[in-house]
Structures are given as structure tokens and as C-alpha cells.
Amino acid sequence: MNLEVQPLVHAEISVIPIISSRGDKENAISDSGMSKYIAKAFDAIRKIEGLNVVLTSMGTHIETRDFAKILKAIDATHDSLKQEGNVTRIISTIRIDERRDKSATFDDRIGSVQKKLQK
């Protein structure tokens, strides 16, 4: 029997918007909070059909069968942040795992590690 593997592509995306300071140099207000921007970027990603998206404290994990949707998600995050008037630069870190021999979901991968922890 020949089973066709439906490969899943996993990606981890971390987007860092660089924000211009507000006010003049002497009275500049510094705000290192990112949640507003992360929420905007995450919302743009989750609107893309065919993605399983998980928000974590250090990035966003994406699972899909269509590699092009990973690139579409990255583009969507950048587009969403470009709409913010005070974002002057966007830095993205992307890790992609395209396993071709086995179709393993996020839950499958985590479950495999948890089974080994119980031994």
C-alpha cells in the first residue's frame, strides 16, 4: 500500500516593529510595550484561510500545507504594521520547518515529546 504523505509546513515568526519616539528629544516618551503591534500583526495572520496559528510569548507559530501561505502571513504582518504611522522599521525573524516524510501537527509533535518525558 502506498500512502501519500500530506506534508505540513511549520513556521515560527517573530516581528519587531521599530517605533519612532514621541515628543522632542528632551521630552521624548519611551514606551517599550509591543502588545498593540503584536495584536495587529497576529490579527492580520489569522485572517488568512488555511493556517493554524498559535500566539506564544516569543512569536507566532504557523502550520499549513501551503508553503506560499507562510510567505503571505509574513507579508500580512509587515503590511499591517506599515499602517502604523510611528513604525519606521520592521525586523522579522522566521524559522521554517518543511518536513516531507511525515505529516505531524503541532499537537503530534508536542505529544511525542510528552510521551518521552513520561518514560
N, C-alpha and C. Protein backbone atom coordinates (compact mmCIF):
# COMPACT_ATOMS: atom_id res chain seq x y z
N MET A 1 0.85 -1.17 0.00
CA MET A 1 0.00 0.00 0.00
C MET A 1 0.90 1.24 0.00
N ASN A 2 0.59 2.18 -0.87
CA ASN A 2 1.37 3.41 -0.98
C ASN A 2 0.58 4.55 -0.36
N LEU A 3 1.02 5.01 0.79
CA LEU A 3 0.35 6.13 1.46
C LEU A 3 1.01 7.43 1.04
N GLU A 4 0.21 8.36 0.60
CA GLU A 4 0.74 9.66 0.21
C GLU A 4 0.80 10.55 1.44
N VAL A 5 1.97 11.08 1.72
CA VAL A 5 2.15 11.96 2.87
C VAL A 5 1.66 13.36 2.50
N GLN A 6 0.85 13.93 3.36
CA GLN A 6 0.40 15.31 3.20
C GLN A 6 1.29 16.17 4.09
N PRO A 7 2.42 16.64 3.56
CA PRO A 7 3.36 17.37 4.42
C PRO A 7 2.78 18.67 4.98
N LEU A 8 3.16 18.95 6.19
CA LEU A 8 2.79 20.20 6.84
C LEU A 8 4.03 21.07 6.93
N VAL A 9 3.84 22.35 6.74
CA VAL A 9 4.92 23.31 6.89
C VAL A 9 4.67 24.05 8.20
N HIS A 10 5.71 24.10 9.03
CA HIS A 10 5.62 24.84 10.28
C HIS A 10 6.56 26.03 10.19
N ALA A 11 6.11 27.14 10.74
CA ALA A 11 6.96 28.33 10.77
C ALA A 11 6.80 29.03 12.11
N GLU A 12 7.86 29.64 12.53
CA GLU A 12 7.84 30.49 13.71
C GLU A 12 8.24 31.88 13.24
N ILE A 13 7.39 32.83 13.50
CA ILE A 13 7.63 34.21 13.07
C ILE A 13 7.71 35.11 14.29
N SER A 14 8.72 35.94 14.32
CA SER A 14 8.84 36.97 15.34
C SER A 14 9.03 38.29 14.61
N VAL A 15 8.16 39.24 14.87
CA VAL A 15 8.20 40.53 14.19
C VAL A 15 8.45 41.62 15.24
N ILE A 16 9.43 42.45 14.97
CA ILE A 16 9.76 43.54 15.88
C ILE A 16 9.60 44.87 15.16
N PRO A 17 8.57 45.63 15.52
CA PRO A 17 8.44 46.95 14.91
C PRO A 17 9.34 47.95 15.65
N ILE A 18 10.05 48.75 14.90
CA ILE A 18 10.86 49.81 15.48
C ILE A 18 10.01 51.07 15.42
N ILE A 19 9.83 51.66 16.58
CA ILE A 19 8.89 52.77 16.71
C ILE A 19 9.66 54.07 16.93
N SER A 20 9.26 55.10 16.19
CA SER A 20 9.89 56.40 16.38
C SER A 20 9.45 56.96 17.73
N SER A 21 10.32 57.74 18.35
CA SER A 21 9.98 58.33 19.65
C SER A 21 8.92 59.42 19.47
N ARG A 22 8.20 59.67 20.54
CA ARG A 22 7.17 60.70 20.51
C ARG A 22 7.65 61.90 21.33
N GLY A 23 7.49 63.07 20.81
CA GLY A 23 7.92 64.28 21.51
C GLY A 23 9.30 64.72 21.06
N ASP A 24 9.73 65.87 21.54
CA ASP A 24 11.06 66.33 21.18
C ASP A 24 12.10 65.53 21.96
N LYS A 25 13.38 65.72 21.63
CA LYS A 25 14.43 64.91 22.24
C LYS A 25 14.50 65.04 23.75
N GLU A 26 14.24 66.22 24.26
CA GLU A 26 14.31 66.44 25.71
C GLU A 26 13.12 65.83 26.42
N ASN A 27 11.95 65.78 25.77
CA ASN A 27 10.74 65.29 26.41
C ASN A 27 10.20 64.03 25.74
N ALA A 28 11.08 63.27 25.11
CA ALA A 28 10.65 62.06 24.40
C ALA A 28 10.04 61.06 25.37
N ILE A 29 8.97 60.43 24.93
CA ILE A 29 8.29 59.41 25.73
C ILE A 29 8.74 58.06 25.20
N SER A 30 9.28 57.24 26.08
CA SER A 30 9.72 55.91 25.69
C SER A 30 8.68 54.90 26.13
N ASP A 31 8.26 54.06 25.21
CA ASP A 31 7.29 53.02 25.52
C ASP A 31 7.79 51.74 24.86
N SER A 32 8.24 50.81 25.66
CA SER A 32 8.79 49.58 25.09
C SER A 32 7.72 48.50 24.89
N GLY A 33 6.46 48.81 25.21
CA GLY A 33 5.38 47.84 25.04
C GLY A 33 5.14 47.50 23.57
N MET A 34 4.95 46.24 23.30
CA MET A 34 4.76 45.77 21.93
C MET A 34 3.38 45.16 21.69
N SER A 35 2.60 44.96 22.72
CA SER A 35 1.35 44.19 22.58
C SER A 35 0.40 44.77 21.54
N LYS A 36 0.32 46.08 21.43
CA LYS A 36 -0.55 46.71 20.44
C LYS A 36 -0.15 46.29 19.02
N TYR A 37 1.13 46.28 18.77
CA TYR A 37 1.65 45.96 17.44
C TYR A 37 1.57 44.45 17.17
N ILE A 38 1.86 43.66 18.18
CA ILE A 38 1.78 42.21 18.05
C ILE A 38 0.34 41.80 17.76
N ALA A 39 -0.61 42.41 18.46
CA ALA A 39 -2.03 42.10 18.23
C ALA A 39 -2.43 42.43 16.80
N LYS A 40 -1.96 43.55 16.31
CA LYS A 40 -2.29 43.95 14.93
C LYS A 40 -1.69 42.97 13.92
N ALA A 41 -0.46 42.57 14.12
CA ALA A 41 0.19 41.62 13.21
C ALA A 41 -0.46 40.25 13.30
N PHE A 42 -0.76 39.79 14.52
CA PHE A 42 -1.40 38.49 14.71
C PHE A 42 -2.78 38.46 14.05
N ASP A 43 -3.51 39.54 14.21
CA ASP A 43 -4.84 39.62 13.61
C ASP A 43 -4.76 39.51 12.09
N ALA A 44 -3.74 40.11 11.50
CA ALA A 44 -3.56 40.03 10.04
C ALA A 44 -3.28 38.59 9.61
N ILE A 45 -2.50 37.86 10.40
CA ILE A 45 -2.17 36.47 10.07
C ILE A 45 -3.41 35.58 10.19
N ARG A 46 -4.14 35.73 11.27
CA ARG A 46 -5.25 34.79 11.50
C ARG A 46 -6.41 34.98 10.52
N LYS A 47 -6.39 36.03 9.74
CA LYS A 47 -7.42 36.22 8.71
C LYS A 47 -7.14 35.41 7.45
N ILE A 48 -5.95 34.84 7.34
CA ILE A 48 -5.58 34.06 6.17
C ILE A 48 -6.13 32.64 6.34
N GLU A 49 -6.92 32.20 5.38
CA GLU A 49 -7.50 30.86 5.43
C GLU A 49 -6.44 29.80 5.21
N GLY A 50 -6.65 28.65 5.83
CA GLY A 50 -5.74 27.52 5.62
C GLY A 50 -4.54 27.52 6.53
N LEU A 51 -4.57 28.33 7.59
CA LEU A 51 -3.47 28.38 8.55
C LEU A 51 -3.97 27.98 9.93
N ASN A 52 -3.16 27.23 10.65
CA ASN A 52 -3.36 27.02 12.07
C ASN A 52 -2.35 27.94 12.73
N VAL A 53 -2.82 28.88 13.53
CA VAL A 53 -1.95 29.92 14.09
C VAL A 53 -2.01 29.89 15.61
N VAL A 54 -0.84 29.91 16.24
CA VAL A 54 -0.74 29.89 17.69
C VAL A 54 0.16 31.04 18.14
N LEU A 55 -0.37 31.90 18.98
CA LEU A 55 0.40 33.01 19.55
C LEU A 55 1.15 32.51 20.78
N THR A 56 2.44 32.81 20.85
CA THR A 56 3.23 32.48 22.03
C THR A 56 3.85 33.76 22.57
N SER A 57 4.52 33.65 23.69
CA SER A 57 5.10 34.85 24.30
C SER A 57 6.30 35.39 23.52
N MET A 58 6.87 34.58 22.64
CA MET A 58 8.06 35.00 21.91
C MET A 58 7.89 35.00 20.40
N GLY A 59 6.70 34.74 19.92
CA GLY A 59 6.49 34.70 18.48
C GLY A 59 5.16 34.06 18.14
N THR A 60 4.94 33.86 16.86
CA THR A 60 3.73 33.24 16.37
C THR A 60 4.11 31.98 15.60
N HIS A 61 3.42 30.89 15.89
CA HIS A 61 3.65 29.63 15.19
C HIS A 61 2.55 29.43 14.17
N ILE A 62 2.96 29.00 12.98
CA ILE A 62 2.02 28.80 11.88
C ILE A 62 2.19 27.39 11.33
N GLU A 63 1.06 26.76 11.04
CA GLU A 63 1.06 25.43 10.46
C GLU A 63 0.15 25.46 9.24
N THR A 64 0.64 24.94 8.11
CA THR A 64 -0.15 24.93 6.88
C THR A 64 0.37 23.85 5.94
N ARG A 65 -0.42 23.51 4.96
CA ARG A 65 0.02 22.59 3.91
C ARG A 65 0.54 23.36 2.69
N ASP A 66 0.41 24.66 2.71
CA ASP A 66 0.77 25.50 1.56
C ASP A 66 1.90 26.45 1.94
N PHE A 67 3.10 26.17 1.48
CA PHE A 67 4.28 26.97 1.80
C PHE A 67 4.06 28.45 1.49
N ALA A 68 3.39 28.74 0.39
CA ALA A 68 3.17 30.13 -0.03
C ALA A 68 2.38 30.91 1.02
N LYS A 69 1.56 30.21 1.80
CA LYS A 69 0.78 30.91 2.83
C LYS A 69 1.66 31.41 3.98
N ILE A 70 2.78 30.76 4.18
CA ILE A 70 3.75 31.25 5.18
C ILE A 70 4.25 32.62 4.74
N LEU A 71 4.63 32.71 3.48
CA LEU A 71 5.11 33.99 2.94
C LEU A 71 4.01 35.04 2.94
N LYS A 72 2.79 34.62 2.66
CA LYS A 72 1.65 35.53 2.70
C LYS A 72 1.43 36.06 4.12
N ALA A 73 1.62 35.20 5.11
CA ALA A 73 1.46 35.62 6.51
C ALA A 73 2.50 36.65 6.91
N ILE A 74 3.73 36.44 6.48
CA ILE A 74 4.81 37.39 6.77
C ILE A 74 4.51 38.73 6.11
N ASP A 75 4.09 38.68 4.87
CA ASP A 75 3.72 39.90 4.15
C ASP A 75 2.57 40.62 4.85
N ALA A 76 1.60 39.87 5.34
CA ALA A 76 0.44 40.46 6.02
C ALA A 76 0.87 41.16 7.31
N THR A 77 1.83 40.58 8.03
CA THR A 77 2.28 41.24 9.27
C THR A 77 2.96 42.56 8.95
N HIS A 78 3.81 42.55 7.94
CA HIS A 78 4.51 43.78 7.56
C HIS A 78 3.50 44.84 7.08
N ASP A 79 2.56 44.43 6.25
CA ASP A 79 1.55 45.38 5.75
C ASP A 79 0.75 45.99 6.90
N SER A 80 0.39 45.15 7.88
CA SER A 80 -0.41 45.67 8.99
C SER A 80 0.37 46.69 9.82
N LEU A 81 1.67 46.46 9.98
CA LEU A 81 2.48 47.37 10.79
C LEU A 81 2.87 48.63 10.02
N LYS A 82 2.94 48.55 8.71
CA LYS A 82 3.25 49.73 7.90
C LYS A 82 2.14 50.78 8.02
N GLN A 83 0.96 50.35 8.39
CA GLN A 83 -0.17 51.27 8.54
C GLN A 83 -0.06 52.12 9.80
N GLU A 84 0.79 51.70 10.72
CA GLU A 84 1.02 52.48 11.94
C GLU A 84 1.97 53.63 11.59
N GLY A 85 1.56 54.82 11.87
CA GLY A 85 2.35 56.00 11.50
C GLY A 85 3.70 56.10 12.16
N ASN A 86 3.86 55.50 13.35
CA ASN A 86 5.12 55.66 14.07
C ASN A 86 6.06 54.47 13.92
N VAL A 87 5.72 53.48 13.08
CA VAL A 87 6.61 52.35 12.83
C VAL A 87 7.53 52.74 11.66
N THR A 88 8.82 52.85 11.98
CA THR A 88 9.77 53.30 10.97
C THR A 88 10.61 52.18 10.39
N ARG A 89 10.52 51.01 11.03
CA ARG A 89 11.31 49.86 10.56
C ARG A 89 10.67 48.60 11.12
N ILE A 90 10.76 47.50 10.38
CA ILE A 90 10.21 46.23 10.83
C ILE A 90 11.26 45.15 10.63
N ILE A 91 11.59 44.45 11.71
CA ILE A 91 12.56 43.37 11.66
C ILE A 91 11.83 42.07 11.92
N SER A 92 12.02 41.09 11.04
CA SER A 92 11.36 39.79 11.19
C SER A 92 12.39 38.68 11.27
N THR A 93 12.12 37.74 12.15
CA THR A 93 12.90 36.52 12.23
C THR A 93 11.95 35.39 11.90
N ILE A 94 12.36 34.52 10.99
CA ILE A 94 11.49 33.46 10.51
C ILE A 94 12.25 32.14 10.50
N ARG A 95 11.65 31.13 11.10
CA ARG A 95 12.19 29.77 11.02
C ARG A 95 11.13 28.90 10.38
N ILE A 96 11.51 28.13 9.38
CA ILE A 96 10.56 27.31 8.65
C ILE A 96 11.03 25.86 8.67
N ASP A 97 10.10 24.96 8.99
CA ASP A 97 10.36 23.53 9.01
C ASP A 97 9.38 22.88 8.05
N GLU A 98 9.90 22.39 6.94
CA GLU A 98 9.07 21.72 5.94
C GLU A 98 9.47 20.25 5.91
N ARG A 99 8.78 19.46 6.68
CA ARG A 99 9.08 18.03 6.74
C ARG A 99 8.30 17.31 5.64
N ARG A 100 9.00 16.55 4.81
CA ARG A 100 8.40 15.93 3.64
C ARG A 100 8.06 14.45 3.84
N ASP A 101 8.60 13.82 4.89
CA ASP A 101 8.41 12.38 5.06
C ASP A 101 7.29 12.00 6.00
N LYS A 102 6.76 12.97 6.73
CA LYS A 102 5.75 12.66 7.73
C LYS A 102 4.88 13.89 7.95
N SER A 103 3.60 13.66 8.15
CA SER A 103 2.68 14.77 8.41
C SER A 103 2.40 14.82 9.91
N ALA A 104 3.04 15.73 10.60
CA ALA A 104 2.90 15.84 12.05
C ALA A 104 2.43 17.25 12.41
N THR A 105 1.31 17.33 13.10
CA THR A 105 0.76 18.62 13.52
C THR A 105 1.50 19.13 14.76
N PHE A 106 1.17 20.35 15.16
CA PHE A 106 1.71 20.89 16.41
C PHE A 106 1.44 19.92 17.55
N ASP A 107 0.20 19.48 17.66
CA ASP A 107 -0.20 18.58 18.75
C ASP A 107 0.56 17.26 18.68
N ASP A 108 0.76 16.73 17.48
CA ASP A 108 1.52 15.49 17.32
C ASP A 108 2.94 15.66 17.85
N ARG A 109 3.56 16.75 17.50
CA ARG A 109 4.95 16.99 17.90
C ARG A 109 5.07 17.16 19.41
N ILE A 110 4.17 17.92 19.99
CA ILE A 110 4.19 18.12 21.44
C ILE A 110 3.89 16.81 22.16
N GLY A 111 2.92 16.06 21.64
CA GLY A 111 2.58 14.77 22.24
C GLY A 111 3.74 13.80 22.23
N SER A 112 4.52 13.80 21.16
CA SER A 112 5.68 12.92 21.08
C SER A 112 6.70 13.23 22.17
N VAL A 113 6.93 14.50 22.41
CA VAL A 113 7.87 14.90 23.48
C VAL A 113 7.30 14.55 24.85
N GLN A 114 5.99 14.79 25.05
CA GLN A 114 5.37 14.49 26.34
C GLN A 114 5.43 13.01 26.66
N LYS A 115 5.28 12.14 25.67
CA LYS A 115 5.38 10.69 25.89
C LYS A 115 6.78 10.33 26.37
N LYS A 116 7.77 10.94 25.79
CA LYS A 116 9.15 10.66 26.17
C LYS A 116 9.46 11.19 27.57
N LEU A 117 8.80 12.27 27.97
CA LEU A 117 9.00 12.80 29.32
C LEU A 117 8.42 11.88 30.38
N GLN A 118 7.40 11.12 30.01
CA GLN A 118 6.74 10.22 30.96
C GLN A 118 7.52 8.93 31.18
N LYS A 119 8.49 8.64 30.31
CA LYS A 119 9.28 7.40 30.44
C LYS A 119 10.27 7.49 31.56
